[in-house]
N, C-alpha and C. Protein backbone atom coordinates (compact mmCIF):
# COMPACT_ATOMS: atom_id res chain seq x y z
N MET A 1 -150.76 -86.41 160.12
CA MET A 1 -151.02 -86.03 161.50
C MET A 1 -151.29 -87.27 162.34
N THR A 2 -150.88 -87.23 163.57
CA THR A 2 -151.18 -88.33 164.48
C THR A 2 -152.55 -88.10 165.10
N ILE A 3 -153.07 -89.12 165.75
CA ILE A 3 -154.37 -88.98 166.43
C ILE A 3 -154.26 -87.91 167.51
N PHE A 4 -153.10 -87.78 168.11
CA PHE A 4 -152.92 -86.77 169.15
C PHE A 4 -153.00 -85.36 168.56
N ASP A 5 -152.42 -85.18 167.39
CA ASP A 5 -152.52 -83.89 166.69
C ASP A 5 -153.97 -83.58 166.33
N LEU A 6 -154.66 -84.60 165.83
CA LEU A 6 -156.06 -84.42 165.45
C LEU A 6 -156.93 -84.08 166.65
N ARG A 7 -156.73 -84.79 167.75
CA ARG A 7 -157.52 -84.52 168.96
C ARG A 7 -157.22 -83.12 169.51
N GLN A 8 -155.96 -82.71 169.42
CA GLN A 8 -155.60 -81.37 169.88
C GLN A 8 -156.30 -80.32 169.00
N ALA A 9 -156.31 -80.53 167.69
CA ALA A 9 -156.99 -79.60 166.78
C ALA A 9 -158.49 -79.59 167.07
N PHE A 10 -159.06 -80.76 167.35
CA PHE A 10 -160.49 -80.86 167.68
C PHE A 10 -160.81 -80.05 168.93
N HIS A 11 -160.03 -80.23 169.98
CA HIS A 11 -160.29 -79.53 171.24
C HIS A 11 -160.07 -78.03 171.11
N HIS A 12 -159.09 -77.63 170.32
CA HIS A 12 -158.86 -76.21 170.07
C HIS A 12 -160.06 -75.61 169.33
N SER A 13 -160.54 -76.31 168.32
CA SER A 13 -161.69 -75.85 167.56
C SER A 13 -162.94 -75.79 168.43
N LEU A 14 -163.12 -76.80 169.27
CA LEU A 14 -164.27 -76.83 170.19
C LEU A 14 -164.21 -75.66 171.16
N SER A 15 -163.04 -75.36 171.67
CA SER A 15 -162.87 -74.23 172.58
C SER A 15 -163.22 -72.92 171.88
N ASN A 16 -162.78 -72.77 170.64
CA ASN A 16 -163.13 -71.59 169.86
C ASN A 16 -164.64 -71.49 169.65
N MET A 17 -165.27 -72.61 169.36
CA MET A 17 -166.72 -72.64 169.14
C MET A 17 -167.45 -72.22 170.41
N ARG A 18 -167.03 -72.75 171.54
CA ARG A 18 -167.66 -72.38 172.82
C ARG A 18 -167.51 -70.89 173.10
N GLY A 19 -166.31 -70.36 172.87
CA GLY A 19 -166.08 -68.94 173.08
C GLY A 19 -166.96 -68.09 172.18
N TRP A 20 -167.11 -68.53 170.95
CA TRP A 20 -167.94 -67.81 169.99
C TRP A 20 -169.39 -67.81 170.43
N PHE A 21 -169.89 -68.96 170.87
CA PHE A 21 -171.28 -69.05 171.33
C PHE A 21 -171.52 -68.27 172.61
N GLU A 22 -170.51 -68.15 173.45
CA GLU A 22 -170.66 -67.41 174.71
C GLU A 22 -170.59 -65.90 174.51
N ASP A 23 -170.09 -65.46 173.37
CA ASP A 23 -169.99 -64.02 173.06
C ASP A 23 -171.33 -63.54 172.50
N SER A 24 -172.10 -62.86 173.32
CA SER A 24 -173.44 -62.44 172.90
C SER A 24 -173.40 -61.44 171.74
N ALA A 25 -172.32 -60.69 171.60
CA ALA A 25 -172.20 -59.77 170.48
C ALA A 25 -172.11 -60.51 169.15
N VAL A 26 -171.57 -61.70 169.19
CA VAL A 26 -171.40 -62.49 167.98
C VAL A 26 -172.61 -63.39 167.74
N SER A 27 -173.03 -64.11 168.76
CA SER A 27 -174.07 -65.12 168.57
C SER A 27 -175.39 -64.78 169.26
N GLY A 28 -175.51 -63.58 169.79
CA GLY A 28 -176.72 -63.20 170.53
C GLY A 28 -177.99 -63.23 169.72
N ARG A 29 -177.88 -63.04 168.42
CA ARG A 29 -179.08 -63.00 167.57
C ARG A 29 -179.45 -64.36 166.99
N LEU A 30 -178.66 -65.37 167.30
CA LEU A 30 -178.93 -66.70 166.75
C LEU A 30 -180.03 -67.41 167.53
N THR A 31 -180.87 -68.10 166.80
CA THR A 31 -181.90 -68.92 167.44
C THR A 31 -181.27 -70.25 167.84
N VAL A 32 -182.00 -71.02 168.60
CA VAL A 32 -181.53 -72.36 168.98
C VAL A 32 -181.31 -73.20 167.72
N LEU A 33 -182.22 -73.08 166.77
CA LEU A 33 -182.09 -73.84 165.53
C LEU A 33 -180.82 -73.42 164.77
N ASP A 34 -180.53 -72.11 164.75
CA ASP A 34 -179.29 -71.64 164.12
C ASP A 34 -178.07 -72.26 164.79
N ARG A 35 -178.07 -72.25 166.11
CA ARG A 35 -176.93 -72.81 166.86
C ARG A 35 -176.76 -74.30 166.59
N LEU A 36 -177.88 -75.03 166.57
CA LEU A 36 -177.81 -76.47 166.29
C LEU A 36 -177.31 -76.74 164.88
N SER A 37 -177.73 -75.92 163.94
CA SER A 37 -177.28 -76.08 162.55
C SER A 37 -175.78 -75.84 162.44
N ILE A 38 -175.29 -74.81 163.13
CA ILE A 38 -173.86 -74.52 163.12
C ILE A 38 -173.08 -75.66 163.76
N LEU A 39 -173.56 -76.16 164.88
CA LEU A 39 -172.88 -77.28 165.55
C LEU A 39 -172.87 -78.53 164.68
N ASP A 40 -173.98 -78.79 164.00
CA ASP A 40 -174.06 -79.95 163.12
C ASP A 40 -173.06 -79.83 161.98
N ALA A 41 -172.98 -78.64 161.38
CA ALA A 41 -172.01 -78.42 160.29
C ALA A 41 -170.58 -78.55 160.80
N TRP A 42 -170.32 -78.02 162.00
CA TRP A 42 -168.97 -78.11 162.58
C TRP A 42 -168.60 -79.58 162.83
N GLN A 43 -169.54 -80.34 163.36
CA GLN A 43 -169.27 -81.75 163.64
C GLN A 43 -168.98 -82.51 162.33
N GLN A 44 -169.72 -82.22 161.29
CA GLN A 44 -169.48 -82.86 159.99
C GLN A 44 -168.11 -82.48 159.46
N GLU A 45 -167.75 -81.21 159.63
CA GLU A 45 -166.43 -80.75 159.18
C GLU A 45 -165.32 -81.47 159.95
N MET A 46 -165.50 -81.66 161.24
CA MET A 46 -164.50 -82.38 162.04
C MET A 46 -164.40 -83.83 161.60
N ALA A 47 -165.54 -84.46 161.32
CA ALA A 47 -165.52 -85.85 160.86
C ALA A 47 -164.75 -85.97 159.55
N GLU A 48 -164.97 -85.01 158.63
CA GLU A 48 -164.25 -85.02 157.36
C GLU A 48 -162.77 -84.75 157.56
N PHE A 49 -162.43 -83.86 158.48
CA PHE A 49 -161.03 -83.55 158.80
C PHE A 49 -160.31 -84.80 159.30
N PHE A 50 -160.96 -85.52 160.22
CA PHE A 50 -160.38 -86.75 160.74
C PHE A 50 -160.22 -87.78 159.62
N GLU A 51 -161.28 -87.95 158.82
CA GLU A 51 -161.24 -88.93 157.74
C GLU A 51 -160.15 -88.59 156.73
N LYS A 52 -160.02 -87.31 156.40
CA LYS A 52 -158.98 -86.88 155.46
C LYS A 52 -157.58 -87.24 155.98
N ASN A 53 -157.44 -87.29 157.29
CA ASN A 53 -156.16 -87.62 157.91
C ASN A 53 -156.07 -89.09 158.33
N GLY A 54 -157.06 -89.89 157.90
CA GLY A 54 -156.99 -91.33 158.08
C GLY A 54 -157.55 -91.89 159.37
N TYR A 55 -158.35 -91.10 160.09
CA TYR A 55 -158.90 -91.54 161.37
C TYR A 55 -160.41 -91.36 161.42
N CYS A 56 -161.05 -92.10 162.29
CA CYS A 56 -162.48 -91.98 162.55
C CYS A 56 -162.68 -91.03 163.74
N LEU A 57 -163.55 -90.05 163.60
CA LEU A 57 -163.81 -89.11 164.69
C LEU A 57 -164.48 -89.81 165.87
N ALA A 58 -165.37 -90.74 165.59
CA ALA A 58 -166.15 -91.38 166.65
C ALA A 58 -165.30 -92.26 167.57
N CYS A 59 -164.42 -93.08 166.99
CA CYS A 59 -163.68 -94.04 167.81
C CYS A 59 -162.18 -93.74 167.89
N ASN A 60 -161.72 -92.77 167.11
CA ASN A 60 -160.30 -92.35 167.09
C ASN A 60 -159.36 -93.42 166.57
N ARG A 61 -159.88 -94.41 165.88
CA ARG A 61 -159.03 -95.45 165.29
C ARG A 61 -158.72 -95.09 163.84
N ARG A 62 -157.64 -95.68 163.33
CA ARG A 62 -157.36 -95.54 161.90
C ARG A 62 -158.57 -96.11 161.14
N LEU A 63 -158.84 -95.55 159.99
CA LEU A 63 -160.03 -95.94 159.24
C LEU A 63 -160.05 -97.44 158.94
N ASN A 64 -158.90 -98.03 158.68
CA ASN A 64 -158.88 -99.47 158.37
C ASN A 64 -159.13 -100.34 159.61
N ARG A 65 -159.11 -99.75 160.81
CA ARG A 65 -159.40 -100.49 162.04
C ARG A 65 -160.75 -100.11 162.65
N CYS A 66 -161.41 -99.11 162.07
CA CYS A 66 -162.69 -98.61 162.58
C CYS A 66 -163.79 -99.66 162.39
N ARG A 67 -164.59 -99.84 163.42
CA ARG A 67 -165.72 -100.78 163.36
C ARG A 67 -167.05 -100.05 163.56
N CYS A 68 -167.01 -98.72 163.46
CA CYS A 68 -168.23 -97.92 163.64
C CYS A 68 -169.19 -98.18 162.49
N PRO A 69 -170.49 -98.22 162.77
CA PRO A 69 -171.46 -98.39 161.68
C PRO A 69 -171.41 -97.18 160.74
N LYS A 70 -171.49 -97.44 159.49
CA LYS A 70 -171.49 -96.35 158.50
C LYS A 70 -172.90 -95.80 158.37
N VAL A 71 -173.01 -94.49 158.40
CA VAL A 71 -174.30 -93.82 158.31
C VAL A 71 -174.55 -93.48 156.85
N MET A 72 -175.70 -93.86 156.35
CA MET A 72 -176.05 -93.55 154.97
C MET A 72 -176.74 -92.20 154.92
N ASN A 73 -176.29 -91.33 154.03
CA ASN A 73 -176.91 -90.00 153.86
C ASN A 73 -177.75 -89.99 152.63
């Protein structure tokens, strides 16, 4: 996938996430902490998706050109 394909998939996924959060029938019972946990998991999933396809989510560069600090977990 190209970076353009990845960014398009990211924005499509983000749009779906926003729609889901705005639907009170679906997310009305979620607490703020629940929502933050879901967003955190989604962001991690997107970072892994980008990495799997050879790009950094933060800077959109190929991994071999990325200069972002690595976060230790």
